[in-house]
């Protein structure tokens, strides 16, 4: 009887180890971008490319099974001088990503740059938000 319990316990442990080995473990942590200049100065520099209400810049580091990658995201709120042509918008977003990368203390701090044009409309208690954007690899900037 004790032999059967030992065999059953080993089988369960082996099955559990097999199941865990097939799992993907992912963690996300905030990675604050460190700029050479403050964010207000950065916003003024971006205003030379387009007019907008506000810019929010955040970073995120994702680790999956021990492999890390990082992304800097810029949300540009209610840009008013934005073309409706997708290729023109993509070029504009890439230029914004380049400016952000160049303004970092460490230009190699992020693997990708996500640039989003966010439209936010408020009507009384109802707020509608939509966004369009691009993600650029650091080596392409």
Protein backbone atom coordinates (compact mmCIF):
# COMPACT_ATOMS: atom_id res chain seq x y z
CA UNK A 1 0.00 0.00 0.00
CA UNK A 2 2.82 2.44 0.88
CA UNK A 3 4.51 1.57 -2.43
CA UNK A 4 1.38 2.57 -4.34
CA UNK A 5 1.24 5.93 -2.50
CA UNK A 6 4.88 6.63 -3.32
CA UNK A 7 4.35 5.74 -6.99
CA UNK A 8 1.17 7.85 -7.13
CA UNK A 9 2.94 10.81 -5.47
CA UNK A 10 5.86 10.56 -7.89
CA UNK A 11 3.47 10.38 -10.85
CA UNK A 12 1.59 13.47 -9.66
CA UNK A 13 4.85 15.38 -9.10
CA UNK A 14 6.12 14.35 -12.53
CA UNK A 15 2.84 15.45 -14.16
CA UNK A 16 2.96 18.76 -12.26
CA UNK A 17 6.59 19.37 -13.33
CA UNK A 18 5.66 18.57 -16.94
CA UNK A 19 2.73 21.00 -16.84
CA UNK A 20 4.83 23.79 -15.32
CA UNK A 21 7.63 23.33 -17.87
CA UNK A 22 5.13 24.04 -20.65
CA UNK A 23 3.94 27.27 -19.04
CA UNK A 24 4.99 30.74 -20.00
CA UNK A 25 5.78 33.10 -17.14
CA UNK A 26 5.42 36.78 -17.97
CA UNK A 27 5.87 39.80 -15.72
CA UNK A 28 5.30 43.46 -16.50
CA UNK A 29 7.00 46.25 -14.60
CA UNK A 30 6.96 50.00 -15.05
CA UNK A 31 10.18 51.37 -16.48
CA UNK A 32 10.35 55.13 -16.08
CA UNK A 33 12.09 56.82 -19.01
CA UNK A 34 15.00 59.06 -18.03
CA UNK A 35 15.25 62.07 -20.32
CA UNK A 36 18.04 64.62 -20.75
CA UNK A 37 15.34 67.32 -20.51
CA UNK A 38 12.08 67.51 -18.56
CA UNK A 39 8.77 66.39 -20.05
CA UNK A 40 7.48 69.96 -20.49
CA UNK A 41 10.52 70.77 -22.64
CA UNK A 42 9.97 67.53 -24.54
CA UNK A 43 6.33 68.51 -25.18
CA UNK A 44 7.45 71.87 -26.56
CA UNK A 45 9.86 70.11 -28.93
CA UNK A 46 7.06 67.82 -30.12
CA UNK A 47 4.78 70.84 -30.63
CA UNK A 48 7.11 71.78 -33.49
CA UNK A 49 5.88 68.65 -35.30
CA UNK A 50 2.17 68.92 -34.47
CA UNK A 51 -0.30 70.64 -32.21
CA UNK A 52 -1.85 68.65 -29.32
CA UNK A 53 -3.37 69.09 -25.87
CA UNK A 54 -1.10 66.83 -23.83
CA UNK A 55 1.50 64.10 -24.13
CA UNK A 56 1.94 61.22 -21.70
CA UNK A 57 5.12 59.13 -21.86
CA UNK A 58 5.50 55.83 -19.99
CA UNK A 59 7.76 52.83 -20.17
CA UNK A 60 7.12 49.14 -19.57
CA UNK A 61 9.46 46.20 -19.23
CA UNK A 62 8.14 42.73 -20.01
CA UNK A 63 9.97 39.60 -18.96
CA UNK A 64 8.87 36.28 -20.45
CA UNK A 65 10.67 33.15 -19.27
CA UNK A 66 13.72 35.21 -18.34
CA UNK A 67 13.91 37.21 -21.58
CA UNK A 68 13.30 40.96 -21.19
CA UNK A 69 12.05 43.57 -23.62
CA UNK A 70 11.06 47.16 -23.02
CA UNK A 71 8.71 49.59 -24.70
CA UNK A 72 8.33 53.34 -24.44
CA UNK A 73 4.77 54.51 -25.13
CA UNK A 74 3.80 58.08 -25.97
CA UNK A 75 0.11 58.95 -25.93
CA UNK A 76 -0.51 62.21 -27.76
CA UNK A 77 -3.89 63.58 -26.77
CA UNK A 78 -6.16 65.34 -29.27
CA UNK A 79 -3.60 66.21 -31.92
CA UNK A 80 -5.16 68.89 -34.15
CA UNK A 81 -2.80 69.03 -37.11
CA UNK A 82 -2.95 65.36 -38.00
CA UNK A 83 -3.40 64.19 -41.56
CA UNK A 84 -5.88 61.42 -42.35
CA UNK A 85 -3.37 59.68 -44.65
CA UNK A 86 -1.98 56.56 -42.93
CA UNK A 87 1.48 56.75 -44.55
CA UNK A 88 1.86 60.41 -43.59
CA UNK A 89 0.77 59.60 -40.03
CA UNK A 90 3.24 56.73 -39.84
CA UNK A 91 6.10 59.03 -40.89
CA UNK A 92 5.00 61.62 -38.31
CA UNK A 93 4.83 58.98 -35.56
CA UNK A 94 8.28 57.70 -36.53
CA UNK A 95 9.69 61.24 -36.27
CA UNK A 96 8.15 61.57 -32.81
CA UNK A 97 9.67 58.23 -31.79
CA UNK A 98 13.08 59.41 -33.06
CA UNK A 99 12.83 62.61 -31.00
CA UNK A 100 11.90 60.68 -27.89
CA UNK A 101 14.76 58.21 -28.38
CA UNK A 102 17.28 61.02 -28.93
CA UNK A 103 16.06 62.81 -25.79
CA UNK A 104 16.67 59.79 -23.55
CA UNK A 105 19.74 59.75 -21.35
CA UNK A 106 20.29 56.20 -22.62
CA UNK A 107 19.01 55.87 -26.21
CA UNK A 108 19.28 52.08 -25.90
CA UNK A 109 16.99 51.88 -22.87
CA UNK A 110 13.96 50.70 -24.87
CA UNK A 111 13.57 48.03 -27.55
CA UNK A 112 10.40 49.45 -29.08
CA UNK A 113 8.56 52.76 -29.24
CA UNK A 114 4.76 52.89 -29.43
CA UNK A 115 3.36 56.23 -30.59
CA UNK A 116 -0.40 56.65 -30.24
CA UNK A 117 -2.59 59.53 -31.34
CA UNK A 118 -5.42 59.47 -28.81
CA UNK A 119 -8.71 61.23 -29.45
CA UNK A 120 -10.74 61.96 -26.33
CA UNK A 121 -14.19 63.53 -26.54
CA UNK A 122 -16.31 64.35 -23.51
CA UNK A 123 -20.04 65.04 -23.69
CA UNK A 124 -21.45 65.52 -20.21
CA UNK A 125 -20.75 62.37 -18.24
CA UNK A 126 -19.79 60.35 -21.33
CA UNK A 127 -16.18 60.21 -22.52
CA UNK A 128 -15.24 58.50 -25.78
CA UNK A 129 -11.62 57.59 -26.40
CA UNK A 130 -10.02 56.12 -29.50
CA UNK A 131 -6.43 55.75 -30.61
CA UNK A 132 -4.33 54.86 -33.63
CA UNK A 133 -0.63 54.30 -33.63
CA UNK A 134 2.53 52.54 -34.69
CA UNK A 135 5.22 50.54 -32.95
CA UNK A 136 8.81 51.06 -34.07
CA UNK A 137 11.87 48.98 -33.30
CA UNK A 138 14.66 50.96 -31.69
CA UNK A 139 17.17 49.95 -34.39
CA UNK A 140 14.84 51.39 -37.07
CA UNK A 141 14.93 54.88 -35.56
